Protein backbone atom coordinates (compact mmCIF):
# COMPACT_ATOMS: atom_id res chain seq x y z
CA UNK A 1 0.00 0.00 0.00
CA UNK A 2 2.91 2.36 0.64
CA UNK A 3 4.17 2.06 -2.95
CA UNK A 4 0.71 2.87 -4.30
CA UNK A 5 0.40 6.00 -2.17
CA UNK A 6 3.90 7.13 -3.14
CA UNK A 7 3.12 6.69 -6.82
CA UNK A 8 -0.19 8.55 -6.44
CA UNK A 9 1.48 11.54 -4.77
CA UNK A 10 4.29 11.50 -7.34
CA UNK A 11 1.99 11.45 -10.38
CA UNK A 12 -0.79 13.65 -9.02
CA UNK A 13 -3.61 14.06 -11.56
CA UNK A 14 -1.96 11.69 -14.02
CA UNK A 15 -2.34 8.77 -11.59
CA UNK A 16 -4.14 5.86 -13.22
CA UNK A 17 -3.84 7.20 -16.77
CA UNK A 18 -2.20 5.04 -19.40
CA UNK A 19 0.91 6.92 -20.50
CA UNK A 20 3.17 3.92 -20.97
CA UNK A 21 4.25 3.47 -24.59
CA UNK A 22 4.81 0.21 -26.43
CA UNK A 23 8.36 1.07 -27.46
CA UNK A 24 10.46 3.98 -26.22
CA UNK A 25 10.74 5.70 -29.62
CA UNK A 26 7.14 5.12 -30.80
CA UNK A 27 4.50 7.46 -29.32
CA UNK A 28 1.73 4.82 -29.20
CA UNK A 29 0.26 3.99 -25.80
CA UNK A 30 -0.92 0.56 -24.79
CA UNK A 31 -4.53 1.77 -24.79
CA UNK A 32 -4.17 2.92 -28.40
CA UNK A 33 -2.66 -0.44 -29.33
CA UNK A 34 -5.62 -2.22 -27.70
CA UNK A 35 -8.06 -0.03 -29.62
CA UNK A 36 -6.22 -0.81 -32.86
CA UNK A 37 -6.38 -4.54 -32.16
CA UNK A 38 -10.10 -4.33 -31.40
CA UNK A 39 -10.78 -2.39 -34.59
CA UNK A 40 -8.72 -4.68 -36.83
CA UNK A 41 -10.24 -7.81 -35.28
CA UNK A 42 -13.75 -6.47 -35.91
CA UNK A 43 -12.74 -5.55 -39.46
CA UNK A 44 -11.40 -9.05 -40.05
CA UNK A 45 -14.69 -10.60 -38.93
CA UNK A 46 -16.63 -8.23 -41.19
CA UNK A 47 -14.39 -9.29 -44.08
CA UNK A 48 -14.93 -12.97 -43.31
CA UNK A 49 -18.70 -12.39 -43.24
CA UNK A 50 -18.59 -10.53 -46.56
CA UNK A 51 -16.52 -13.29 -48.13
CA UNK A 52 -18.94 -15.94 -46.88
CA UNK A 53 -21.93 -13.95 -48.14
CA UNK A 54 -20.35 -13.48 -51.56
CA UNK A 55 -19.52 -17.18 -51.75
CA UNK A 56 -23.12 -18.16 -50.93
CA UNK A 57 -24.48 -15.77 -53.56
CA UNK A 58 -22.06 -16.95 -56.24
CA UNK A 59 -22.35 -20.65 -55.39
CA UNK A 60 -26.09 -21.02 -54.80
CA UNK A 61 -28.02 -17.95 -55.93
CA UNK A 62 -26.16 -17.42 -59.21
CA UNK A 63 -26.84 -20.87 -60.67
CA UNK A 64 -30.48 -20.66 -59.55
CA UNK A 65 -30.91 -17.71 -61.93
CA UNK A 66 -29.07 -19.52 -64.75
CA UNK A 67 -25.99 -17.30 -64.73
CA UNK A 68 -23.75 -20.31 -65.05
CA UNK A 69 -24.92 -21.05 -68.61
CA UNK A 70 -22.92 -18.58 -70.65
CA UNK A 71 -23.27 -19.28 -74.39
PDB file of N, CA and C in Angstrom:
ATOM      1  N   UNK A   1       0.822  -1.185   0.000  1.00  0.00           N
ATOM      2  CA  UNK A   1       0.000   0.000   0.000  1.00  0.00           C
ATOM      3  C   UNK A   1       0.872   1.257   0.000  1.00  0.00           C
ATOM      4  N   UNK A   2       2.024   1.205   0.605  1.00  0.00           N
ATOM      5  CA  UNK A   2       2.908   2.361   0.644  1.00  0.00           C
ATOM      6  C   UNK A   2       3.387   2.768  -0.741  1.00  0.00           C
ATOM      7  N   UNK A   3       3.707   1.777  -1.590  1.00  0.00           N
ATOM      8  CA  UNK A   3       4.170   2.060  -2.949  1.00  0.00           C
ATOM      9  C   UNK A   3       3.060   2.735  -3.756  1.00  0.00           C
ATOM     10  N   UNK A   4       1.854   2.287  -3.593  1.00  0.00           N
ATOM     11  CA  UNK A   4       0.709   2.870  -4.301  1.00  0.00           C
ATOM     12  C   UNK A   4       0.502   4.330  -3.911  1.00  0.00           C
ATOM     13  N   UNK A   5       0.579   4.615  -2.633  1.00  0.00           N
ATOM     14  CA  UNK A   5       0.400   6.001  -2.169  1.00  0.00           C
ATOM     15  C   UNK A   5       1.537   6.896  -2.666  1.00  0.00           C
ATOM     16  N   UNK A   6       2.749   6.369  -2.654  1.00  0.00           N
ATOM     17  CA  UNK A   6       3.898   7.134  -3.136  1.00  0.00           C
ATOM     18  C   UNK A   6       3.736   7.456  -4.616  1.00  0.00           C
ATOM     19  N   UNK A   7       3.316   6.478  -5.395  1.00  0.00           N
ATOM     20  CA  UNK A   7       3.124   6.692  -6.821  1.00  0.00           C
ATOM     21  C   UNK A   7       2.003   7.707  -7.071  1.00  0.00           C
ATOM     22  N   UNK A   8       0.934   7.632  -6.277  1.00  0.00           N
ATOM     23  CA  UNK A   8      -0.187   8.554  -6.440  1.00  0.00           C
ATOM     24  C   UNK A   8       0.240   9.989  -6.141  1.00  0.00           C
ATOM     25  N   UNK A   9       1.017  10.184  -5.093  1.00  0.00           N
ATOM     26  CA  UNK A   9       1.476  11.538  -4.770  1.00  0.00           C
ATOM     27  C   UNK A   9       2.491  12.034  -5.796  1.00  0.00           C
ATOM     28  N   UNK A  10       3.291  11.129  -6.332  1.00  0.00           N
ATOM     29  CA  UNK A  10       4.289  11.501  -7.336  1.00  0.00           C
ATOM     30  C   UNK A  10       3.632  11.909  -8.657  1.00  0.00           C
ATOM     31  N   UNK A  11       2.622  11.167  -9.098  1.00  0.00           N
ATOM     32  CA  UNK A  11       1.986  11.446 -10.384  1.00  0.00           C
ATOM     33  C   UNK A  11       0.887  12.500 -10.305  1.00  0.00           C
ATOM     34  N   UNK A  12       0.256  12.637  -9.181  1.00  0.00           N
ATOM     35  CA  UNK A  12      -0.786  13.653  -9.024  1.00  0.00           C
ATOM     36  C   UNK A  12      -2.022  13.340  -9.854  1.00  0.00           C
ATOM     37  N   UNK A  13      -2.414  14.252 -10.739  1.00  0.00           N
ATOM     38  CA  UNK A  13      -3.609  14.064 -11.562  1.00  0.00           C
ATOM     39  C   UNK A  13      -3.437  13.010 -12.644  1.00  0.00           C
ATOM     40  N   UNK A  14      -2.210  12.697 -12.986  1.00  0.00           N
ATOM     41  CA  UNK A  14      -1.963  11.689 -14.019  1.00  0.00           C
ATOM     42  C   UNK A  14      -2.016  10.267 -13.476  1.00  0.00           C
ATOM     43  N   UNK A  15      -2.301  10.099 -12.199  1.00  0.00           N
ATOM     44  CA  UNK A  15      -2.338   8.768 -11.591  1.00  0.00           C
ATOM     45  C   UNK A  15      -3.464   7.944 -12.202  1.00  0.00           C
ATOM     46  N   UNK A  16      -3.145   6.753 -12.650  1.00  0.00           N
ATOM     47  CA  UNK A  16      -4.139   5.860 -13.222  1.00  0.00           C
ATOM     48  C   UNK A  16      -4.341   6.021 -14.712  1.00  0.00           C
ATOM     49  N   UNK A  17      -3.717   6.997 -15.339  1.00  0.00           N
ATOM     50  CA  UNK A  17      -3.845   7.198 -16.774  1.00  0.00           C
ATOM     51  C   UNK A  17      -2.765   6.394 -17.483  1.00  0.00           C
ATOM     52  N   UNK A  18      -3.121   5.876 -18.642  1.00  0.00           N
ATOM     53  CA  UNK A  18      -2.198   5.042 -19.404  1.00  0.00           C
ATOM     54  C   UNK A  18      -1.277   5.918 -20.240  1.00  0.00           C
ATOM     55  N   UNK A  19      -0.067   6.125 -19.755  1.00  0.00           N
ATOM     56  CA  UNK A  19       0.905   6.917 -20.500  1.00  0.00           C
ATOM     57  C   UNK A  19       2.100   6.074 -20.918  1.00  0.00           C
ATOM     58  N   UNK A  20       2.051   4.794 -20.620  1.00  0.00           N
ATOM     59  CA  UNK A  20       3.166   3.921 -20.969  1.00  0.00           C
ATOM     60  C   UNK A  20       3.092   3.572 -22.453  1.00  0.00           C
ATOM     61  N   UNK A  21       4.214   3.743 -23.155  1.00  0.00           N
ATOM     62  CA  UNK A  21       4.250   3.467 -24.585  1.00  0.00           C
ATOM     63  C   UNK A  21       4.681   2.031 -24.835  1.00  0.00           C
ATOM     64  N   UNK A  22       4.438   1.570 -26.056  1.00  0.00           N
ATOM     65  CA  UNK A  22       4.815   0.209 -26.427  1.00  0.00           C
ATOM     66  C   UNK A  22       6.336   0.103 -26.537  1.00  0.00           C
ATOM     67  N   UNK A  23       6.911   0.998 -27.310  1.00  0.00           N
ATOM     68  CA  UNK A  23       8.364   1.067 -27.461  1.00  0.00           C
ATOM     69  C   UNK A  23       8.803   2.488 -27.102  1.00  0.00           C
ATOM     70  N   UNK A  24      10.017   2.647 -26.646  1.00  0.00           N
ATOM     71  CA  UNK A  24      10.457   3.976 -26.215  1.00  0.00           C
ATOM     72  C   UNK A  24      10.400   5.049 -27.303  1.00  0.00           C
ATOM     73  N   UNK A  25      10.666   4.695 -28.551  1.00  0.00           N
ATOM     74  CA  UNK A  25      10.737   5.695 -29.619  1.00  0.00           C
ATOM     75  C   UNK A  25       9.443   5.844 -30.395  1.00  0.00           C
ATOM     76  N   UNK A  26       8.409   5.058 -30.079  1.00  0.00           N
ATOM     77  CA  UNK A  26       7.137   5.115 -30.799  1.00  0.00           C
ATOM     78  C   UNK A  26       6.077   5.682 -29.866  1.00  0.00           C
ATOM     79  N   UNK A  27       5.460   6.806 -30.233  1.00  0.00           N
ATOM     80  CA  UNK A  27       4.503   7.460 -29.324  1.00  0.00           C
ATOM     81  C   UNK A  27       3.102   6.840 -29.378  1.00  0.00           C
ATOM     82  N   UNK A  28       3.015   5.520 -29.214  1.00  0.00           N
ATOM     83  CA  UNK A  28       1.727   4.817 -29.197  1.00  0.00           C
ATOM     84  C   UNK A  28       1.568   4.188 -27.821  1.00  0.00           C
ATOM     85  N   UNK A  29       0.474   4.544 -27.140  1.00  0.00           N
ATOM     86  CA  UNK A  29       0.262   3.988 -25.805  1.00  0.00           C
ATOM     87  C   UNK A  29      -0.346   2.603 -25.912  1.00  0.00           C
ATOM     88  N   UNK A  30      -0.344   1.905 -24.809  1.00  0.00           N
ATOM     89  CA  UNK A  30      -0.916   0.561 -24.791  1.00  0.00           C
ATOM     90  C   UNK A  30      -2.419   0.597 -25.026  1.00  0.00           C
ATOM     91  N   UNK A  31      -3.087   1.641 -24.557  1.00  0.00           N
ATOM     92  CA  UNK A  31      -4.532   1.772 -24.786  1.00  0.00           C
ATOM     93  C   UNK A  31      -4.819   1.956 -26.276  1.00  0.00           C
ATOM     94  N   UNK A  32      -3.987   2.736 -26.967  1.00  0.00           N
ATOM     95  CA  UNK A  32      -4.170   2.920 -28.400  1.00  0.00           C
ATOM     96  C   UNK A  32      -3.914   1.617 -29.151  1.00  0.00           C
ATOM     97  N   UNK A  33      -2.942   0.845 -28.708  1.00  0.00           N
ATOM     98  CA  UNK A  33      -2.660  -0.443 -29.331  1.00  0.00           C
ATOM     99  C   UNK A  33      -3.835  -1.400 -29.131  1.00  0.00           C
ATOM    100  N   UNK A  34      -4.444  -1.378 -27.950  1.00  0.00           N
ATOM    101  CA  UNK A  34      -5.615  -2.216 -27.697  1.00  0.00           C
ATOM    102  C   UNK A  34      -6.789  -1.800 -28.571  1.00  0.00           C
ATOM    103  N   UNK A  35      -6.995  -0.501 -28.748  1.00  0.00           N
ATOM    104  CA  UNK A  35      -8.065  -0.027 -29.620  1.00  0.00           C
ATOM    105  C   UNK A  35      -7.813  -0.455 -31.066  1.00  0.00           C
ATOM    106  N   UNK A  36      -6.564  -0.398 -31.501  1.00  0.00           N
ATOM    107  CA  UNK A  36      -6.215  -0.811 -32.856  1.00  0.00           C
ATOM    108  C   UNK A  36      -6.486  -2.298 -33.051  1.00  0.00           C
ATOM    109  N   UNK A  37      -6.133  -3.101 -32.067  1.00  0.00           N
ATOM    110  CA  UNK A  37      -6.376  -4.542 -32.156  1.00  0.00           C
ATOM    111  C   UNK A  37      -7.866  -4.842 -32.194  1.00  0.00           C
ATOM    112  N   UNK A  38      -8.652  -4.133 -31.391  1.00  0.00           N
ATOM    113  CA  UNK A  38     -10.104  -4.335 -31.397  1.00  0.00           C
ATOM    114  C   UNK A  38     -10.690  -3.968 -32.754  1.00  0.00           C
ATOM    115  N   UNK A  39     -10.269  -2.836 -33.305  1.00  0.00           N
ATOM    116  CA  UNK A  39     -10.779  -2.389 -34.590  1.00  0.00           C
ATOM    117  C   UNK A  39     -10.406  -3.350 -35.714  1.00  0.00           C
ATOM    118  N   UNK A  40      -9.159  -3.792 -35.758  1.00  0.00           N
ATOM    119  CA  UNK A  40      -8.722  -4.680 -36.830  1.00  0.00           C
ATOM    120  C   UNK A  40      -9.356  -6.065 -36.701  1.00  0.00           C
ATOM    121  N   UNK A  41      -9.570  -6.523 -35.470  1.00  0.00           N
ATOM    122  CA  UNK A  41     -10.243  -7.806 -35.278  1.00  0.00           C
ATOM    123  C   UNK A  41     -11.682  -7.730 -35.772  1.00  0.00           C
ATOM    124  N   UNK A  42     -12.372  -6.653 -35.434  1.00  0.00           N
ATOM    125  CA  UNK A  42     -13.749  -6.466 -35.906  1.00  0.00           C
ATOM    126  C   UNK A  42     -13.775  -6.376 -37.431  1.00  0.00           C
ATOM    127  N   UNK A  43     -12.823  -5.660 -38.010  1.00  0.00           N
ATOM    128  CA  UNK A  43     -12.745  -5.550 -39.464  1.00  0.00           C
ATOM    129  C   UNK A  43     -12.487  -6.891 -40.131  1.00  0.00           C
ATOM    130  N   UNK A  44     -11.670  -7.724 -39.502  1.00  0.00           N
ATOM    131  CA  UNK A  44     -11.402  -9.049 -40.054  1.00  0.00           C
ATOM    132  C   UNK A  44     -12.669  -9.896 -40.055  1.00  0.00           C
ATOM    133  N   UNK A  45     -13.442  -9.836 -38.984  1.00  0.00           N
ATOM    134  CA  UNK A  45     -14.695 -10.599 -38.928  1.00  0.00           C
ATOM    135  C   UNK A  45     -15.699 -10.087 -39.948  1.00  0.00           C
ATOM    136  N   UNK A  46     -15.751  -8.783 -40.159  1.00  0.00           N
ATOM    137  CA  UNK A  46     -16.633  -8.226 -41.192  1.00  0.00           C
ATOM    138  C   UNK A  46     -16.204  -8.734 -42.567  1.00  0.00           C
ATOM    139  N   UNK A  47     -14.901  -8.768 -42.816  1.00  0.00           N
ATOM    140  CA  UNK A  47     -14.387  -9.289 -44.084  1.00  0.00           C
ATOM    141  C   UNK A  47     -14.706 -10.756 -44.277  1.00  0.00           C
ATOM    142  N   UNK A  48     -14.600 -11.552 -43.225  1.00  0.00           N
ATOM    143  CA  UNK A  48     -14.934 -12.969 -43.308  1.00  0.00           C
ATOM    144  C   UNK A  48     -16.422 -13.134 -43.623  1.00  0.00           C
ATOM    145  N   UNK A  49     -17.260 -12.336 -42.965  1.00  0.00           N
ATOM    146  CA  UNK A  49     -18.700 -12.394 -43.235  1.00  0.00           C
ATOM    147  C   UNK A  49     -19.024 -12.002 -44.664  1.00  0.00           C
ATOM    148  N   UNK A  50     -18.361 -10.961 -45.172  1.00  0.00           N
ATOM    149  CA  UNK A  50     -18.587 -10.530 -46.555  1.00  0.00           C
ATOM    150  C   UNK A  50     -18.135 -11.599 -47.544  1.00  0.00           C
ATOM    151  N   UNK A  51     -17.006 -12.224 -47.261  1.00  0.00           N
ATOM    152  CA  UNK A  51     -16.516 -13.294 -48.130  1.00  0.00           C
ATOM    153  C   UNK A  51     -17.476 -14.469 -48.140  1.00  0.00           C
ATOM    154  N   UNK A  52     -17.981 -14.841 -46.984  1.00  0.00           N
ATOM    155  CA  UNK A  52     -18.936 -15.941 -46.882  1.00  0.00           C
ATOM    156  C   UNK A  52     -20.232 -15.599 -47.617  1.00  0.00           C
ATOM    157  N   UNK A  53     -20.715 -14.379 -47.450  1.00  0.00           N
ATOM    158  CA  UNK A  53     -21.933 -13.952 -48.139  1.00  0.00           C
ATOM    159  C   UNK A  53     -21.743 -13.981 -49.653  1.00  0.00           C
ATOM    160  N   UNK A  54     -20.625 -13.479 -50.119  1.00  0.00           N
ATOM    161  CA  UNK A  54     -20.350 -13.479 -51.558  1.00  0.00           C
ATOM    162  C   UNK A  54     -20.259 -14.907 -52.079  1.00  0.00           C
ATOM    163  N   UNK A  55     -19.637 -15.784 -51.335  1.00  0.00           N
ATOM    164  CA  UNK A  55     -19.518 -17.178 -51.753  1.00  0.00           C
ATOM    165  C   UNK A  55     -20.892 -17.827 -51.859  1.00  0.00           C
ATOM    166  N   UNK A  56     -21.769 -17.576 -50.897  1.00  0.00           N
ATOM    167  CA  UNK A  56     -23.117 -18.156 -50.929  1.00  0.00           C
ATOM    168  C   UNK A  56     -23.886 -17.636 -52.140  1.00  0.00           C
ATOM    169  N   UNK A  57     -23.778 -16.335 -52.407  1.00  0.00           N
ATOM    170  CA  UNK A  57     -24.481 -15.770 -53.561  1.00  0.00           C
ATOM    171  C   UNK A  57     -23.947 -16.366 -54.852  1.00  0.00           C
ATOM    172  N   UNK A  58     -22.649 -16.438 -55.002  1.00  0.00           N
ATOM    173  CA  UNK A  58     -22.056 -16.950 -56.236  1.00  0.00           C
ATOM    174  C   UNK A  58     -22.323 -18.445 -56.396  1.00  0.00           C
ATOM    175  N   UNK A  59     -22.226 -19.193 -55.308  1.00  0.00           N
ATOM    176  CA  UNK A  59     -22.348 -20.649 -55.389  1.00  0.00           C
ATOM    177  C   UNK A  59     -23.780 -21.122 -55.529  1.00  0.00           C
ATOM    178  N   UNK A  60     -24.720 -20.511 -54.824  1.00  0.00           N
ATOM    179  CA  UNK A  60     -26.086 -21.020 -54.802  1.00  0.00           C
ATOM    180  C   UNK A  60     -27.087 -20.133 -55.541  1.00  0.00           C
ATOM    181  N   UNK A  61     -27.036 -18.843 -55.335  1.00  0.00           N
ATOM    182  CA  UNK A  61     -28.025 -17.950 -55.929  1.00  0.00           C
ATOM    183  C   UNK A  61     -27.754 -17.751 -57.421  1.00  0.00           C
ATOM    184  N   UNK A  62     -26.510 -17.620 -57.796  1.00  0.00           N
ATOM    185  CA  UNK A  62     -26.161 -17.417 -59.206  1.00  0.00           C
ATOM    186  C   UNK A  62     -26.662 -18.538 -60.105  1.00  0.00           C
ATOM    187  N   UNK A  63     -26.337 -19.784 -59.824  1.00  0.00           N
ATOM    188  CA  UNK A  63     -26.843 -20.874 -60.667  1.00  0.00           C
ATOM    189  C   UNK A  63     -28.370 -20.994 -60.657  1.00  0.00           C
ATOM    190  N   UNK A  64     -29.020 -20.593 -59.592  1.00  0.00           N
ATOM    191  CA  UNK A  64     -30.478 -20.659 -59.548  1.00  0.00           C
ATOM    192  C   UNK A  64     -31.100 -19.721 -60.579  1.00  0.00           C
ATOM    193  N   UNK A  65     -30.416 -18.641 -60.914  1.00  0.00           N
ATOM    194  CA  UNK A  65     -30.906 -17.715 -61.933  1.00  0.00           C
ATOM    195  C   UNK A  65     -30.376 -18.051 -63.326  1.00  0.00           C
ATOM    196  N   UNK A  66     -29.586 -19.104 -63.456  1.00  0.00           N
ATOM    197  CA  UNK A  66     -29.072 -19.516 -64.753  1.00  0.00           C
ATOM    198  C   UNK A  66     -27.870 -18.742 -65.223  1.00  0.00           C
ATOM    199  N   UNK A  67     -27.155 -18.075 -64.331  1.00  0.00           N
ATOM    200  CA  UNK A  67     -25.993 -17.297 -64.727  1.00  0.00           C
ATOM    201  C   UNK A  67     -24.793 -18.179 -65.094  1.00  0.00           C
ATOM    202  N   UNK A  68     -24.886 -19.440 -64.768  1.00  0.00           N
ATOM    203  CA  UNK A  68     -23.751 -20.312 -65.055  1.00  0.00           C
ATOM    204  C   UNK A  68     -23.742 -20.770 -66.500  1.00  0.00           C
ATOM    205  N   UNK A  69     -24.863 -20.629 -67.209  1.00  0.00           N
ATOM    206  CA  UNK A  69     -24.917 -21.045 -68.611  1.00  0.00           C
ATOM    207  C   UNK A  69     -24.595 -19.848 -69.515  1.00  0.00           C
ATOM    208  N   UNK A  70     -23.351 -19.671 -69.791  1.00  0.00           N
ATOM    209  CA  UNK A  70     -22.919 -18.583 -70.653  1.00  0.00           C
ATOM    210  C   UNK A  70     -22.647 -19.175 -72.032  1.00  0.00           C
ATOM    211  N   UNK A  71     -23.452 -18.752 -73.028  1.00  0.00           N
ATOM    212  CA  UNK A  71     -23.272 -19.276 -74.394  1.00  0.00           C
ATOM    213  C   UNK A  71     -22.694 -18.221 -75.280  1.00  0.00           C
TER     214      UNK A  71
END
